[in-house]
Amino acid sequence: MSKTYTFNVKTPRTTAMVDITRQVEEQVQDSGVKSGACIVFIPHTTAAVTINENADPDVVRDFLMEINKVIPFSDGYLHMEGNSAAHIKSSLMGFSETIIIEDGRLYLGTWQGIYLTEFDGPRLRKVHVKIIEG
């Protein structure tokens, strides 16, 4: 058995990391699956999904500060929309994460959370969640 869910996330700024752990957990609970896998997929080319620490907000601040240094917004890019940096960042981070479901819960570490990472906002983003029993 598998179920697919979709929810929207409104991102607040040009670059942001929005903790979506609670929304994904709600989908797992709704599915009734006790053991299996949860795939979180972002269907956008300038946003991504990642798992990182969600206990200290400075981790998010530091992450965004450093990724913007490594891949600056303006660096002689040719893409006419002006958002090449966002495309590069999202491709490097990735568009999906797979999390184990055990005992009806996401099998995340103590400090881990799931983040939608925005690189071209603010925007309304879709998040697809596929719950697979097994």
N, C-alpha and C. Protein backbone atom coordinates (compact mmCIF):
# COMPACT_ATOMS: atom_id res chain seq x y z
N MET A 1 0.83 -1.18 0.00
CA MET A 1 0.00 0.00 0.00
C MET A 1 0.88 1.25 0.00
N SER A 2 0.43 2.26 -0.71
CA SER A 2 1.12 3.55 -0.68
C SER A 2 0.08 4.66 -0.81
N LYS A 3 0.43 5.81 -0.26
CA LYS A 3 -0.42 6.99 -0.34
C LYS A 3 0.44 8.19 -0.67
N THR A 4 -0.14 9.12 -1.44
CA THR A 4 0.56 10.34 -1.78
C THR A 4 -0.22 11.54 -1.26
N TYR A 5 0.49 12.46 -0.65
CA TYR A 5 -0.09 13.67 -0.09
C TYR A 5 0.63 14.88 -0.67
N THR A 6 -0.06 16.00 -0.70
CA THR A 6 0.56 17.26 -1.14
C THR A 6 0.12 18.36 -0.19
N PHE A 7 1.07 19.21 0.18
CA PHE A 7 0.73 20.41 0.95
C PHE A 7 1.56 21.57 0.44
N ASN A 8 1.11 22.77 0.74
CA ASN A 8 1.78 23.99 0.29
C ASN A 8 2.53 24.64 1.42
N VAL A 9 3.63 25.31 1.07
CA VAL A 9 4.43 26.06 2.03
C VAL A 9 4.69 27.43 1.42
N LYS A 10 4.35 28.48 2.17
CA LYS A 10 4.65 29.84 1.74
C LYS A 10 6.00 30.22 2.34
N THR A 11 6.97 30.48 1.48
CA THR A 11 8.30 30.83 1.97
C THR A 11 8.39 32.34 2.21
N PRO A 12 9.14 32.75 3.24
CA PRO A 12 9.10 34.16 3.66
C PRO A 12 10.09 35.10 2.98
N ARG A 13 11.17 34.57 2.44
CA ARG A 13 12.24 35.44 1.91
C ARG A 13 12.88 34.82 0.67
N THR A 14 13.83 35.54 0.10
CA THR A 14 14.57 35.04 -1.06
C THR A 14 15.22 33.71 -0.74
N THR A 15 15.93 33.64 0.36
CA THR A 15 16.51 32.38 0.82
C THR A 15 15.97 32.09 2.21
N ALA A 16 15.55 30.86 2.42
CA ALA A 16 14.99 30.48 3.72
C ALA A 16 15.02 28.96 3.84
N MET A 17 15.01 28.52 5.09
CA MET A 17 14.83 27.10 5.38
C MET A 17 13.60 27.00 6.27
N VAL A 18 12.56 26.36 5.74
CA VAL A 18 11.29 26.24 6.45
C VAL A 18 11.17 24.81 6.97
N ASP A 19 11.05 24.68 8.28
CA ASP A 19 10.93 23.37 8.90
C ASP A 19 9.55 22.78 8.57
N ILE A 20 9.53 21.68 7.83
CA ILE A 20 8.28 21.05 7.42
C ILE A 20 8.09 19.69 8.11
N THR A 21 8.87 19.42 9.14
CA THR A 21 8.82 18.13 9.82
C THR A 21 7.41 17.81 10.31
N ARG A 22 6.77 18.78 10.98
CA ARG A 22 5.44 18.54 11.54
C ARG A 22 4.44 18.17 10.45
N GLN A 23 4.46 18.89 9.32
CA GLN A 23 3.51 18.59 8.24
C GLN A 23 3.74 17.19 7.68
N VAL A 24 5.01 16.79 7.53
CA VAL A 24 5.31 15.45 7.01
C VAL A 24 4.87 14.40 8.03
N GLU A 25 5.14 14.64 9.31
CA GLU A 25 4.71 13.70 10.36
C GLU A 25 3.20 13.52 10.34
N GLU A 26 2.46 14.60 10.11
CA GLU A 26 1.00 14.51 10.04
C GLU A 26 0.56 13.59 8.91
N GLN A 27 1.25 13.63 7.79
CA GLN A 27 0.91 12.77 6.66
C GLN A 27 1.18 11.31 7.00
N VAL A 28 2.29 11.07 7.71
CA VAL A 28 2.61 9.70 8.13
C VAL A 28 1.52 9.18 9.07
N GLN A 29 1.13 9.99 10.03
CA GLN A 29 0.07 9.60 10.97
C GLN A 29 -1.23 9.31 10.23
N ASP A 30 -1.59 10.18 9.30
CA ASP A 30 -2.82 10.03 8.53
C ASP A 30 -2.82 8.74 7.71
N SER A 31 -1.65 8.35 7.21
CA SER A 31 -1.56 7.16 6.36
C SER A 31 -1.84 5.88 7.12
N GLY A 32 -1.55 5.87 8.42
CA GLY A 32 -1.71 4.66 9.21
C GLY A 32 -0.59 3.65 9.03
N VAL A 33 0.42 3.99 8.22
CA VAL A 33 1.53 3.07 7.98
C VAL A 33 2.40 3.00 9.24
N LYS A 34 2.70 1.77 9.67
CA LYS A 34 3.52 1.57 10.88
C LYS A 34 4.98 1.32 10.54
N SER A 35 5.26 0.76 9.37
CA SER A 35 6.62 0.47 8.96
C SER A 35 6.72 0.65 7.45
N GLY A 36 7.72 1.39 7.02
CA GLY A 36 7.88 1.62 5.59
C GLY A 36 8.82 2.77 5.31
N ALA A 37 8.48 3.55 4.30
CA ALA A 37 9.34 4.66 3.89
C ALA A 37 8.49 5.87 3.54
N CYS A 38 9.05 7.02 3.76
CA CYS A 38 8.42 8.29 3.44
C CYS A 38 9.34 9.05 2.50
N ILE A 39 8.85 9.37 1.32
CA ILE A 39 9.63 10.15 0.36
C ILE A 39 9.05 11.55 0.34
N VAL A 40 9.90 12.54 0.54
CA VAL A 40 9.51 13.94 0.47
C VAL A 40 10.14 14.51 -0.79
N PHE A 41 9.30 15.05 -1.69
CA PHE A 41 9.77 15.53 -2.99
C PHE A 41 9.30 16.97 -3.21
N ILE A 42 10.19 17.81 -3.68
CA ILE A 42 9.91 19.20 -4.00
C ILE A 42 9.91 19.35 -5.52
N PRO A 43 8.77 19.69 -6.16
CA PRO A 43 8.70 19.76 -7.62
C PRO A 43 9.06 21.15 -8.17
N HIS A 44 10.18 21.69 -7.72
CA HIS A 44 10.59 23.03 -8.14
C HIS A 44 12.07 23.02 -8.48
N THR A 45 12.49 23.90 -9.37
CA THR A 45 13.90 23.93 -9.77
C THR A 45 14.72 24.97 -9.02
N THR A 46 14.08 25.75 -8.14
CA THR A 46 14.82 26.73 -7.35
C THR A 46 14.56 26.58 -5.86
N ALA A 47 14.09 25.41 -5.46
CA ALA A 47 13.92 25.06 -4.05
C ALA A 47 14.38 23.61 -3.90
N ALA A 48 14.61 23.21 -2.66
CA ALA A 48 15.11 21.86 -2.42
C ALA A 48 14.57 21.37 -1.08
N VAL A 49 14.95 20.13 -0.74
CA VAL A 49 14.59 19.58 0.56
C VAL A 49 15.85 18.97 1.17
N THR A 50 15.99 19.13 2.48
CA THR A 50 17.14 18.57 3.17
C THR A 50 16.76 18.21 4.59
N ILE A 51 17.61 17.42 5.21
CA ILE A 51 17.47 17.10 6.63
C ILE A 51 18.66 17.71 7.34
N ASN A 52 18.38 18.44 8.43
CA ASN A 52 19.45 19.06 9.19
C ASN A 52 18.98 19.28 10.62
N GLU A 53 19.84 19.88 11.43
CA GLU A 53 19.50 20.14 12.83
C GLU A 53 18.35 21.13 12.92
N ASN A 54 17.39 20.83 13.81
CA ASN A 54 16.27 21.76 13.99
C ASN A 54 16.15 22.25 15.43
N ALA A 55 17.21 22.08 16.22
CA ALA A 55 17.17 22.52 17.62
C ALA A 55 17.69 23.94 17.80
N ASP A 56 18.71 24.30 17.06
CA ASP A 56 19.35 25.61 17.19
C ASP A 56 19.14 26.41 15.91
N PRO A 57 18.37 27.50 15.94
CA PRO A 57 18.11 28.28 14.73
C PRO A 57 19.37 28.89 14.10
N ASP A 58 20.46 28.96 14.86
CA ASP A 58 21.70 29.47 14.29
C ASP A 58 22.26 28.55 13.21
N VAL A 59 21.92 27.26 13.26
CA VAL A 59 22.37 26.33 12.22
C VAL A 59 21.78 26.77 10.87
N VAL A 60 20.51 27.10 10.84
CA VAL A 60 19.85 27.57 9.61
C VAL A 60 20.50 28.86 9.13
N ARG A 61 20.70 29.81 10.05
CA ARG A 61 21.32 31.08 9.70
C ARG A 61 22.71 30.85 9.11
N ASP A 62 23.52 30.02 9.77
CA ASP A 62 24.87 29.73 9.31
C ASP A 62 24.86 29.04 7.95
N PHE A 63 23.95 28.08 7.78
CA PHE A 63 23.85 27.36 6.51
C PHE A 63 23.57 28.32 5.36
N LEU A 64 22.55 29.16 5.52
CA LEU A 64 22.18 30.09 4.45
C LEU A 64 23.29 31.10 4.19
N MET A 65 23.95 31.57 5.24
CA MET A 65 25.05 32.52 5.07
C MET A 65 26.17 31.89 4.23
N GLU A 66 26.51 30.67 4.53
CA GLU A 66 27.63 30.03 3.84
C GLU A 66 27.27 29.62 2.41
N ILE A 67 26.08 29.08 2.18
CA ILE A 67 25.73 28.68 0.82
C ILE A 67 25.64 29.90 -0.10
N ASN A 68 25.24 31.04 0.47
CA ASN A 68 25.18 32.26 -0.33
C ASN A 68 26.58 32.81 -0.63
N LYS A 69 27.57 32.49 0.22
CA LYS A 69 28.96 32.86 -0.07
C LYS A 69 29.53 31.97 -1.17
N VAL A 70 29.26 30.67 -1.05
CA VAL A 70 29.81 29.70 -2.00
C VAL A 70 29.21 29.89 -3.39
N ILE A 71 27.89 30.15 -3.43
CA ILE A 71 27.19 30.35 -4.70
C ILE A 71 26.49 31.71 -4.59
N PRO A 72 27.20 32.78 -4.98
CA PRO A 72 26.62 34.12 -4.84
C PRO A 72 25.47 34.36 -5.80
N PHE A 73 24.60 35.29 -5.43
CA PHE A 73 23.45 35.63 -6.27
C PHE A 73 23.87 36.20 -7.61
N SER A 74 24.90 36.98 -7.61
CA SER A 74 25.37 37.62 -8.85
C SER A 74 26.82 37.22 -9.09
N ASP A 75 27.06 36.55 -10.21
CA ASP A 75 28.42 36.08 -10.50
C ASP A 75 28.64 35.93 -12.01
N GLY A 76 28.01 36.81 -12.78
CA GLY A 76 28.18 36.76 -14.23
C GLY A 76 27.39 35.65 -14.89
N TYR A 77 26.32 35.20 -14.28
CA TYR A 77 25.50 34.14 -14.85
C TYR A 77 24.81 34.63 -16.13
N LEU A 78 24.55 33.73 -17.06
CA LEU A 78 23.92 34.08 -18.33
C LEU A 78 22.41 33.87 -18.35
N HIS A 79 21.88 33.09 -17.47
CA HIS A 79 20.44 32.79 -17.44
C HIS A 79 19.66 34.10 -17.32
N MET A 80 18.78 34.36 -18.28
CA MET A 80 18.12 35.66 -18.36
C MET A 80 17.15 35.96 -17.23
N GLU A 81 16.65 34.94 -16.53
CA GLU A 81 15.73 35.19 -15.42
C GLU A 81 16.45 35.73 -14.18
N GLY A 82 17.77 35.61 -14.15
CA GLY A 82 18.53 36.15 -13.03
C GLY A 82 18.53 35.29 -11.79
N ASN A 83 18.14 34.02 -11.91
CA ASN A 83 18.09 33.16 -10.72
C ASN A 83 18.95 31.90 -10.87
N SER A 84 20.04 32.02 -11.62
CA SER A 84 20.93 30.87 -11.80
C SER A 84 21.46 30.34 -10.49
N ALA A 85 21.80 31.24 -9.57
CA ALA A 85 22.32 30.78 -8.27
C ALA A 85 21.31 29.87 -7.59
N ALA A 86 20.02 30.21 -7.68
CA ALA A 86 18.98 29.39 -7.07
C ALA A 86 18.92 28.00 -7.72
N HIS A 87 19.05 27.93 -9.03
CA HIS A 87 19.04 26.64 -9.73
C HIS A 87 20.23 25.78 -9.29
N ILE A 88 21.39 26.40 -9.18
CA ILE A 88 22.60 25.67 -8.78
C ILE A 88 22.47 25.14 -7.36
N LYS A 89 22.04 26.01 -6.44
CA LYS A 89 21.91 25.61 -5.03
C LYS A 89 20.91 24.46 -4.88
N SER A 90 19.77 24.56 -5.54
CA SER A 90 18.76 23.51 -5.38
C SER A 90 19.23 22.19 -5.99
N SER A 91 19.93 22.25 -7.11
CA SER A 91 20.44 21.01 -7.71
C SER A 91 21.49 20.35 -6.81
N LEU A 92 22.32 21.15 -6.18
CA LEU A 92 23.33 20.59 -5.28
C LEU A 92 22.70 19.98 -4.03
N MET A 93 21.64 20.60 -3.53
CA MET A 93 20.99 20.10 -2.31
C MET A 93 20.11 18.90 -2.60
N GLY A 94 19.39 18.93 -3.69
CA GLY A 94 18.53 17.81 -4.06
C GLY A 94 17.06 18.10 -3.84
N PHE A 95 16.24 17.38 -4.56
CA PHE A 95 14.81 17.62 -4.59
C PHE A 95 14.00 16.60 -3.79
N SER A 96 14.69 15.62 -3.18
CA SER A 96 13.95 14.63 -2.40
C SER A 96 14.79 14.08 -1.25
N GLU A 97 14.07 13.57 -0.26
CA GLU A 97 14.66 12.87 0.87
C GLU A 97 13.79 11.66 1.15
N THR A 98 14.41 10.58 1.57
CA THR A 98 13.69 9.37 1.97
C THR A 98 13.96 9.12 3.45
N ILE A 99 12.89 8.94 4.21
CA ILE A 99 13.00 8.73 5.64
C ILE A 99 12.30 7.43 6.01
N ILE A 100 12.93 6.63 6.83
CA ILE A 100 12.35 5.38 7.30
C ILE A 100 11.17 5.69 8.23
N ILE A 101 10.12 4.90 8.13
CA ILE A 101 8.99 4.95 9.07
C ILE A 101 9.07 3.69 9.93
N GLU A 102 9.09 3.87 11.22
CA GLU A 102 9.11 2.74 12.15
C GLU A 102 8.18 3.06 13.31
N ASP A 103 7.35 2.09 13.68
CA ASP A 103 6.36 2.28 14.75
C ASP A 103 5.45 3.48 14.47
N GLY A 104 5.14 3.70 13.19
CA GLY A 104 4.23 4.77 12.80
C GLY A 104 4.82 6.17 12.88
N ARG A 105 6.16 6.27 13.03
CA ARG A 105 6.81 7.58 13.15
C ARG A 105 8.01 7.68 12.23
N LEU A 106 8.34 8.90 11.87
CA LEU A 106 9.55 9.13 11.10
C LEU A 106 10.76 8.75 11.95
N TYR A 107 11.69 8.06 11.36
CA TYR A 107 12.86 7.55 12.07
C TYR A 107 14.00 8.57 11.95
N LEU A 108 13.74 9.78 12.45
CA LEU A 108 14.73 10.86 12.42
C LEU A 108 15.56 10.84 13.70
N GLY A 109 16.76 11.38 13.62
CA GLY A 109 17.60 11.51 14.80
C GLY A 109 17.05 12.58 15.74
N THR A 110 17.54 12.59 16.95
CA THR A 110 17.07 13.50 17.99
C THR A 110 17.03 14.95 17.54
N TRP A 111 18.03 15.40 16.83
CA TRP A 111 18.15 16.82 16.46
C TRP A 111 17.75 17.08 15.02
N GLN A 112 17.27 16.07 14.29
CA GLN A 112 17.00 16.23 12.87
C GLN A 112 15.59 16.76 12.59
N GLY A 113 15.51 17.60 11.57
CA GLY A 113 14.25 18.07 11.04
C GLY A 113 14.32 18.09 9.52
N ILE A 114 13.17 18.13 8.89
CA ILE A 114 13.08 18.17 7.43
C ILE A 114 12.81 19.62 7.03
N TYR A 115 13.60 20.12 6.10
CA TYR A 115 13.49 21.50 5.67
C TYR A 115 13.21 21.63 4.18
N LEU A 116 12.27 22.49 3.84
CA LEU A 116 12.16 22.99 2.48
C LEU A 116 13.13 24.16 2.42
N THR A 117 14.06 24.12 1.49
CA THR A 117 15.03 25.20 1.35
C THR A 117 14.65 26.04 0.14
N GLU A 118 14.46 27.31 0.37
CA GLU A 118 14.05 28.27 -0.66
C GLU A 118 15.25 29.07 -1.11
N PHE A 119 15.41 29.19 -2.43
CA PHE A 119 16.52 29.97 -2.98
C PHE A 119 16.06 31.03 -3.97
N ASP A 120 14.74 31.18 -4.16
CA ASP A 120 14.22 32.14 -5.15
C ASP A 120 12.85 32.65 -4.70
N GLY A 121 12.75 32.99 -3.45
CA GLY A 121 11.45 33.38 -2.91
C GLY A 121 11.29 34.87 -2.79
N PRO A 122 10.24 35.25 -2.09
CA PRO A 122 9.24 34.37 -1.47
C PRO A 122 8.29 33.79 -2.51
N ARG A 123 7.84 32.58 -2.26
CA ARG A 123 6.94 31.88 -3.18
C ARG A 123 6.04 30.93 -2.41
N LEU A 124 5.03 30.44 -3.12
CA LEU A 124 4.21 29.35 -2.61
C LEU A 124 4.74 28.07 -3.23
N ARG A 125 5.20 27.15 -2.41
CA ARG A 125 5.83 25.91 -2.88
C ARG A 125 4.96 24.71 -2.54
N LYS A 126 5.04 23.70 -3.39
CA LYS A 126 4.35 22.43 -3.16
C LYS A 126 5.35 21.42 -2.59
N VAL A 127 4.86 20.59 -1.70
CA VAL A 127 5.64 19.48 -1.17
C VAL A 127 4.81 18.22 -1.37
N HIS A 128 5.39 17.23 -2.03
CA HIS A 128 4.73 15.94 -2.22
C HIS A 128 5.34 14.94 -1.25
N VAL A 129 4.49 14.17 -0.60
CA VAL A 129 4.92 13.15 0.35
C VAL A 129 4.33 11.82 -0.09
N LYS A 130 5.19 10.85 -0.31
CA LYS A 130 4.76 9.48 -0.68
C LYS A 130 5.08 8.56 0.49
N ILE A 131 4.05 7.93 1.03
CA ILE A 131 4.19 6.99 2.13
C ILE A 131 4.05 5.59 1.57
N ILE A 132 5.08 4.75 1.79
CA ILE A 132 5.09 3.41 1.24
C ILE A 132 5.18 2.42 2.40
N GLU A 133 4.21 1.53 2.47
CA GLU A 133 4.21 0.50 3.52
C GLU A 133 5.13 -0.64 3.11
N GLY A 134 5.85 -1.17 4.09
CA GLY A 134 6.67 -2.32 3.75
C GLY A 134 7.73 -2.64 4.75
